[in-house]
Amino acid sequence: MEFFGFLFESLVVRDLRVYSQLEGCKLSHYRDEYGLEVDVILERADGEWAAFEVKLGSDEGVTEGIESLRLLRDRVDTNRMGDPIKLAVITATGIGVELPDGIAVIPATTLGP
């Protein structure tokens, strides 16, 4: 399953890269000295940014992704970077939902330009 998770992540990152290029956005990833990793950071030309974790779909994986995004939100210097316009976990299945703290869970099937 871990291998399929890597394949799914690659597919989603490719899709996000294609869609974001239409808007002149840049994609990267985040890793800090404390071991926090976030799969995708999308930055618009005007400096607005969003962060995405990509999880194949297990409840544990989605929860892990949500926690990573919460940690990122707490660590980013918003005076310098601004607040994120969206934090979301992209999954392979399920329905989309937005949590009370604004983090979304989005099925990959809903992605598009």
N, C-alpha and C. Protein backbone atom coordinates (compact mmCIF):
# COMPACT_ATOMS: atom_id res chain seq x y z
N MET A 1 0.82 -1.20 0.00
CA MET A 1 0.00 0.00 0.00
C MET A 1 0.86 1.26 0.00
N GLU A 2 2.02 1.19 0.66
CA GLU A 2 2.90 2.37 0.69
C GLU A 2 3.31 2.77 -0.72
N PHE A 3 3.63 1.77 -1.55
CA PHE A 3 4.00 2.03 -2.93
C PHE A 3 2.87 2.73 -3.68
N PHE A 4 1.63 2.25 -3.51
CA PHE A 4 0.48 2.87 -4.17
C PHE A 4 0.25 4.30 -3.65
N GLY A 5 0.58 4.51 -2.39
CA GLY A 5 0.49 5.86 -1.83
C GLY A 5 1.44 6.82 -2.53
N PHE A 6 2.67 6.36 -2.80
CA PHE A 6 3.64 7.20 -3.53
C PHE A 6 3.16 7.47 -4.95
N LEU A 7 2.61 6.45 -5.61
CA LEU A 7 2.08 6.64 -6.97
C LEU A 7 0.93 7.65 -6.97
N PHE A 8 0.03 7.52 -6.00
CA PHE A 8 -1.11 8.43 -5.92
C PHE A 8 -0.63 9.86 -5.67
N GLU A 9 0.33 10.02 -4.77
CA GLU A 9 0.87 11.35 -4.50
C GLU A 9 1.48 11.96 -5.76
N SER A 10 2.23 11.17 -6.51
CA SER A 10 2.84 11.66 -7.75
C SER A 10 1.78 12.10 -8.75
N LEU A 11 0.71 11.32 -8.86
CA LEU A 11 -0.38 11.66 -9.77
C LEU A 11 -1.04 12.98 -9.37
N VAL A 12 -1.33 13.14 -8.09
CA VAL A 12 -1.98 14.36 -7.62
C VAL A 12 -1.07 15.57 -7.80
N VAL A 13 0.22 15.42 -7.49
CA VAL A 13 1.15 16.54 -7.66
C VAL A 13 1.24 16.92 -9.13
N ARG A 14 1.26 15.93 -10.01
CA ARG A 14 1.28 16.23 -11.44
C ARG A 14 0.04 17.01 -11.85
N ASP A 15 -1.12 16.55 -11.40
CA ASP A 15 -2.37 17.26 -11.72
C ASP A 15 -2.35 18.69 -11.19
N LEU A 16 -1.94 18.85 -9.93
CA LEU A 16 -1.88 20.20 -9.36
C LEU A 16 -0.91 21.09 -10.13
N ARG A 17 0.21 20.52 -10.55
CA ARG A 17 1.18 21.30 -11.33
C ARG A 17 0.57 21.77 -12.66
N VAL A 18 -0.11 20.87 -13.34
CA VAL A 18 -0.75 21.23 -14.62
C VAL A 18 -1.80 22.32 -14.40
N TYR A 19 -2.69 22.12 -13.42
CA TYR A 19 -3.76 23.09 -13.18
C TYR A 19 -3.20 24.43 -12.71
N SER A 20 -2.20 24.39 -11.86
CA SER A 20 -1.67 25.64 -11.29
C SER A 20 -0.89 26.44 -12.32
N GLN A 21 -0.27 25.79 -13.29
CA GLN A 21 0.46 26.52 -14.32
C GLN A 21 -0.47 27.39 -15.15
N LEU A 22 -1.73 26.99 -15.27
CA LEU A 22 -2.70 27.81 -15.99
C LEU A 22 -2.88 29.17 -15.33
N GLU A 23 -2.63 29.23 -14.03
CA GLU A 23 -2.79 30.47 -13.26
C GLU A 23 -1.46 31.12 -12.91
N GLY A 24 -0.37 30.58 -13.44
CA GLY A 24 0.95 31.14 -13.17
C GLY A 24 1.45 30.89 -11.76
N CYS A 25 1.01 29.80 -11.17
CA CYS A 25 1.41 29.45 -9.80
C CYS A 25 2.66 28.58 -9.80
N LYS A 26 3.30 28.54 -8.66
CA LYS A 26 4.49 27.73 -8.48
C LYS A 26 4.20 26.67 -7.42
N LEU A 27 4.66 25.44 -7.66
CA LEU A 27 4.49 24.35 -6.71
C LEU A 27 5.84 23.97 -6.11
N SER A 28 5.82 23.69 -4.82
CA SER A 28 7.01 23.18 -4.14
C SER A 28 6.53 22.30 -2.99
N HIS A 29 7.46 21.86 -2.16
CA HIS A 29 7.08 21.11 -0.97
C HIS A 29 7.75 21.76 0.22
N TYR A 30 7.38 21.33 1.42
CA TYR A 30 7.91 21.93 2.64
C TYR A 30 8.52 20.84 3.51
N ARG A 31 9.70 21.13 4.01
CA ARG A 31 10.35 20.27 4.98
C ARG A 31 11.18 21.16 5.89
N ASP A 32 11.03 21.00 7.20
CA ASP A 32 11.80 21.85 8.11
C ASP A 32 12.76 21.01 8.96
N GLU A 33 13.53 21.70 9.76
CA GLU A 33 14.57 21.05 10.57
C GLU A 33 13.99 20.20 11.69
N TYR A 34 12.69 20.31 11.95
CA TYR A 34 12.05 19.52 13.00
C TYR A 34 11.38 18.26 12.47
N GLY A 35 11.48 18.04 11.15
CA GLY A 35 10.92 16.84 10.55
C GLY A 35 9.53 16.99 9.97
N LEU A 36 8.96 18.19 10.04
CA LEU A 36 7.65 18.40 9.45
C LEU A 36 7.76 18.47 7.94
N GLU A 37 6.93 17.69 7.27
CA GLU A 37 6.89 17.70 5.80
C GLU A 37 5.45 17.93 5.35
N VAL A 38 5.30 18.73 4.31
CA VAL A 38 4.01 18.94 3.68
C VAL A 38 4.22 18.71 2.19
N ASP A 39 3.33 17.93 1.58
CA ASP A 39 3.54 17.46 0.22
C ASP A 39 3.56 18.56 -0.83
N VAL A 40 2.66 19.52 -0.75
CA VAL A 40 2.55 20.54 -1.79
C VAL A 40 2.30 21.91 -1.17
N ILE A 41 3.13 22.86 -1.59
CA ILE A 41 2.90 24.27 -1.31
C ILE A 41 2.65 24.93 -2.66
N LEU A 42 1.50 25.54 -2.81
CA LEU A 42 1.14 26.23 -4.04
C LEU A 42 1.23 27.72 -3.76
N GLU A 43 2.01 28.42 -4.56
CA GLU A 43 2.18 29.86 -4.36
C GLU A 43 1.78 30.61 -5.62
N ARG A 44 0.87 31.55 -5.45
CA ARG A 44 0.44 32.38 -6.57
C ARG A 44 1.43 33.52 -6.77
N ALA A 45 1.38 34.13 -7.94
CA ALA A 45 2.30 35.22 -8.27
C ALA A 45 2.16 36.40 -7.32
N ASP A 46 0.97 36.59 -6.76
CA ASP A 46 0.74 37.70 -5.84
C ASP A 46 1.17 37.38 -4.41
N GLY A 47 1.73 36.18 -4.19
CA GLY A 47 2.23 35.80 -2.87
C GLY A 47 1.26 34.99 -2.03
N GLU A 48 0.00 34.92 -2.43
CA GLU A 48 -0.93 34.08 -1.68
C GLU A 48 -0.52 32.62 -1.84
N TRP A 49 -0.77 31.82 -0.81
CA TRP A 49 -0.33 30.44 -0.85
C TRP A 49 -1.33 29.50 -0.20
N ALA A 50 -1.21 28.23 -0.57
CA ALA A 50 -2.03 27.16 -0.01
C ALA A 50 -1.13 25.95 0.19
N ALA A 51 -1.55 25.06 1.08
CA ALA A 51 -0.76 23.85 1.35
C ALA A 51 -1.66 22.63 1.30
N PHE A 52 -1.11 21.54 0.75
CA PHE A 52 -1.87 20.31 0.58
C PHE A 52 -1.05 19.10 1.03
N GLU A 53 -1.72 18.22 1.73
CA GLU A 53 -1.18 16.90 2.03
C GLU A 53 -1.93 15.93 1.14
N VAL A 54 -1.25 14.92 0.63
CA VAL A 54 -1.87 13.94 -0.26
C VAL A 54 -1.83 12.59 0.45
N LYS A 55 -3.01 12.02 0.66
CA LYS A 55 -3.14 10.74 1.35
C LYS A 55 -4.05 9.82 0.56
N LEU A 56 -3.67 8.56 0.45
CA LEU A 56 -4.41 7.61 -0.35
C LEU A 56 -5.84 7.43 0.15
N GLY A 57 -6.07 7.57 1.45
CA GLY A 57 -7.47 7.54 1.87
C GLY A 57 -7.79 6.91 3.20
N SER A 58 -6.84 6.30 3.89
CA SER A 58 -7.18 5.73 5.20
C SER A 58 -7.50 6.85 6.19
N ASP A 59 -8.37 6.55 7.14
CA ASP A 59 -8.71 7.54 8.16
C ASP A 59 -7.48 8.01 8.91
N GLU A 60 -6.58 7.07 9.21
CA GLU A 60 -5.34 7.42 9.92
C GLU A 60 -4.48 8.36 9.09
N GLY A 61 -4.38 8.08 7.78
CA GLY A 61 -3.59 8.93 6.91
C GLY A 61 -4.15 10.33 6.79
N VAL A 62 -5.47 10.42 6.67
CA VAL A 62 -6.12 11.73 6.58
C VAL A 62 -5.90 12.51 7.87
N THR A 63 -6.05 11.85 9.01
CA THR A 63 -5.82 12.50 10.30
C THR A 63 -4.38 12.98 10.41
N GLU A 64 -3.44 12.17 9.96
CA GLU A 64 -2.02 12.55 9.95
C GLU A 64 -1.80 13.79 9.07
N GLY A 65 -2.44 13.81 7.91
CA GLY A 65 -2.33 14.96 7.02
C GLY A 65 -2.88 16.23 7.63
N ILE A 66 -4.02 16.11 8.29
CA ILE A 66 -4.63 17.26 8.97
C ILE A 66 -3.70 17.80 10.04
N GLU A 67 -3.12 16.91 10.82
CA GLU A 67 -2.20 17.34 11.88
C GLU A 67 -0.96 18.03 11.31
N SER A 68 -0.43 17.51 10.20
CA SER A 68 0.73 18.15 9.56
C SER A 68 0.38 19.56 9.11
N LEU A 69 -0.81 19.74 8.56
CA LEU A 69 -1.22 21.07 8.11
C LEU A 69 -1.43 22.02 9.29
N ARG A 70 -1.95 21.51 10.39
CA ARG A 70 -2.10 22.35 11.59
C ARG A 70 -0.73 22.78 12.11
N LEU A 71 0.23 21.86 12.14
CA LEU A 71 1.58 22.21 12.57
C LEU A 71 2.19 23.26 11.66
N LEU A 72 2.02 23.10 10.34
CA LEU A 72 2.53 24.08 9.40
C LEU A 72 1.93 25.44 9.67
N ARG A 73 0.61 25.49 9.84
CA ARG A 73 -0.07 26.76 10.10
C ARG A 73 0.49 27.43 11.35
N ASP A 74 0.82 26.64 12.37
CA ASP A 74 1.36 27.20 13.61
C ASP A 74 2.81 27.66 13.48
N ARG A 75 3.56 27.07 12.55
CA ARG A 75 4.99 27.37 12.42
C ARG A 75 5.31 28.49 11.43
N VAL A 76 4.44 28.73 10.49
CA VAL A 76 4.72 29.72 9.45
C VAL A 76 4.62 31.13 10.04
N ASP A 77 5.57 31.96 9.67
CA ASP A 77 5.57 33.36 10.07
C ASP A 77 4.57 34.10 9.17
N THR A 78 3.34 34.25 9.64
CA THR A 78 2.31 34.86 8.81
C THR A 78 2.52 36.36 8.62
N ASN A 79 3.35 36.98 9.46
CA ASN A 79 3.69 38.39 9.22
C ASN A 79 4.50 38.52 7.94
N ARG A 80 5.29 37.50 7.65
CA ARG A 80 6.12 37.51 6.44
C ARG A 80 5.43 36.85 5.24
N MET A 81 4.74 35.75 5.49
CA MET A 81 4.16 34.95 4.40
C MET A 81 2.66 35.19 4.20
N GLY A 82 2.00 35.78 5.16
CA GLY A 82 0.55 35.90 5.11
C GLY A 82 -0.10 34.59 5.52
N ASP A 83 -1.40 34.64 5.77
CA ASP A 83 -2.14 33.44 6.11
C ASP A 83 -2.37 32.62 4.85
N PRO A 84 -2.44 31.30 4.98
CA PRO A 84 -2.74 30.48 3.80
C PRO A 84 -4.17 30.72 3.34
N ILE A 85 -4.37 30.68 2.01
CA ILE A 85 -5.74 30.83 1.51
C ILE A 85 -6.50 29.51 1.62
N LYS A 86 -5.78 28.39 1.72
CA LYS A 86 -6.42 27.09 1.92
C LYS A 86 -5.40 26.09 2.42
N LEU A 87 -5.83 25.24 3.33
CA LEU A 87 -5.09 24.07 3.79
C LEU A 87 -6.01 22.89 3.54
N ALA A 88 -5.50 21.84 2.88
CA ALA A 88 -6.37 20.73 2.54
C ALA A 88 -5.60 19.42 2.42
N VAL A 89 -6.30 18.34 2.72
CA VAL A 89 -5.81 16.98 2.50
C VAL A 89 -6.54 16.47 1.26
N ILE A 90 -5.79 16.02 0.27
CA ILE A 90 -6.38 15.46 -0.95
C ILE A 90 -6.33 13.94 -0.83
N THR A 91 -7.49 13.31 -0.98
CA THR A 91 -7.60 11.86 -0.83
C THR A 91 -8.07 11.21 -2.13
N ALA A 92 -7.98 9.89 -2.18
CA ALA A 92 -8.40 9.16 -3.37
C ALA A 92 -9.90 8.95 -3.42
N THR A 93 -10.54 8.87 -2.27
CA THR A 93 -11.97 8.54 -2.23
C THR A 93 -12.68 9.40 -1.20
N GLY A 94 -13.96 9.20 -1.10
CA GLY A 94 -14.74 9.87 -0.07
C GLY A 94 -15.40 11.14 -0.58
N ILE A 95 -15.97 11.86 0.37
CA ILE A 95 -16.64 13.11 0.04
C ILE A 95 -15.83 14.27 0.59
N GLY A 96 -16.01 15.43 0.01
CA GLY A 96 -15.31 16.61 0.48
C GLY A 96 -15.97 17.16 1.73
N VAL A 97 -15.14 17.68 2.61
CA VAL A 97 -15.64 18.26 3.86
C VAL A 97 -14.66 19.35 4.30
N GLU A 98 -15.19 20.37 4.95
CA GLU A 98 -14.33 21.39 5.55
C GLU A 98 -14.52 21.34 7.05
N LEU A 99 -13.41 21.21 7.76
CA LEU A 99 -13.44 21.13 9.22
C LEU A 99 -13.68 22.53 9.80
N PRO A 100 -14.11 22.61 11.07
CA PRO A 100 -14.37 23.92 11.67
C PRO A 100 -13.16 24.87 11.67
N ASP A 101 -11.94 24.32 11.66
CA ASP A 101 -10.76 25.19 11.65
C ASP A 101 -10.33 25.58 10.24
N GLY A 102 -11.15 25.21 9.23
CA GLY A 102 -10.89 25.63 7.86
C GLY A 102 -10.10 24.67 7.01
N ILE A 103 -9.56 23.61 7.60
CA ILE A 103 -8.84 22.61 6.81
C ILE A 103 -9.87 21.73 6.09
N ALA A 104 -9.63 21.53 4.80
CA ALA A 104 -10.57 20.76 3.98
C ALA A 104 -10.01 19.37 3.68
N VAL A 105 -10.92 18.43 3.45
CA VAL A 105 -10.57 17.11 2.92
C VAL A 105 -11.25 17.05 1.56
N ILE A 106 -10.43 16.84 0.50
CA ILE A 106 -10.90 16.95 -0.87
C ILE A 106 -10.60 15.65 -1.63
N PRO A 107 -11.61 15.02 -2.22
CA PRO A 107 -11.32 13.87 -3.07
C PRO A 107 -10.64 14.33 -4.36
N ALA A 108 -9.68 13.56 -4.82
CA ALA A 108 -8.93 13.92 -6.04
C ALA A 108 -9.82 14.03 -7.25
N THR A 109 -10.94 13.33 -7.23
CA THR A 109 -11.85 13.37 -8.38
C THR A 109 -12.49 14.73 -8.57
N THR A 110 -12.41 15.61 -7.60
CA THR A 110 -13.00 16.94 -7.72
C THR A 110 -11.99 17.97 -8.22
N LEU A 111 -10.73 17.59 -8.38
CA LEU A 111 -9.72 18.54 -8.85
C LEU A 111 -9.94 18.86 -10.31
N GLY A 112 -9.65 20.07 -10.68
CA GLY A 112 -9.76 20.47 -12.07
C GLY A 112 -9.38 21.93 -12.25
N PRO A 113 -9.16 22.33 -13.48
CA PRO A 113 -8.75 23.73 -13.72
C PRO A 113 -9.89 24.70 -13.45
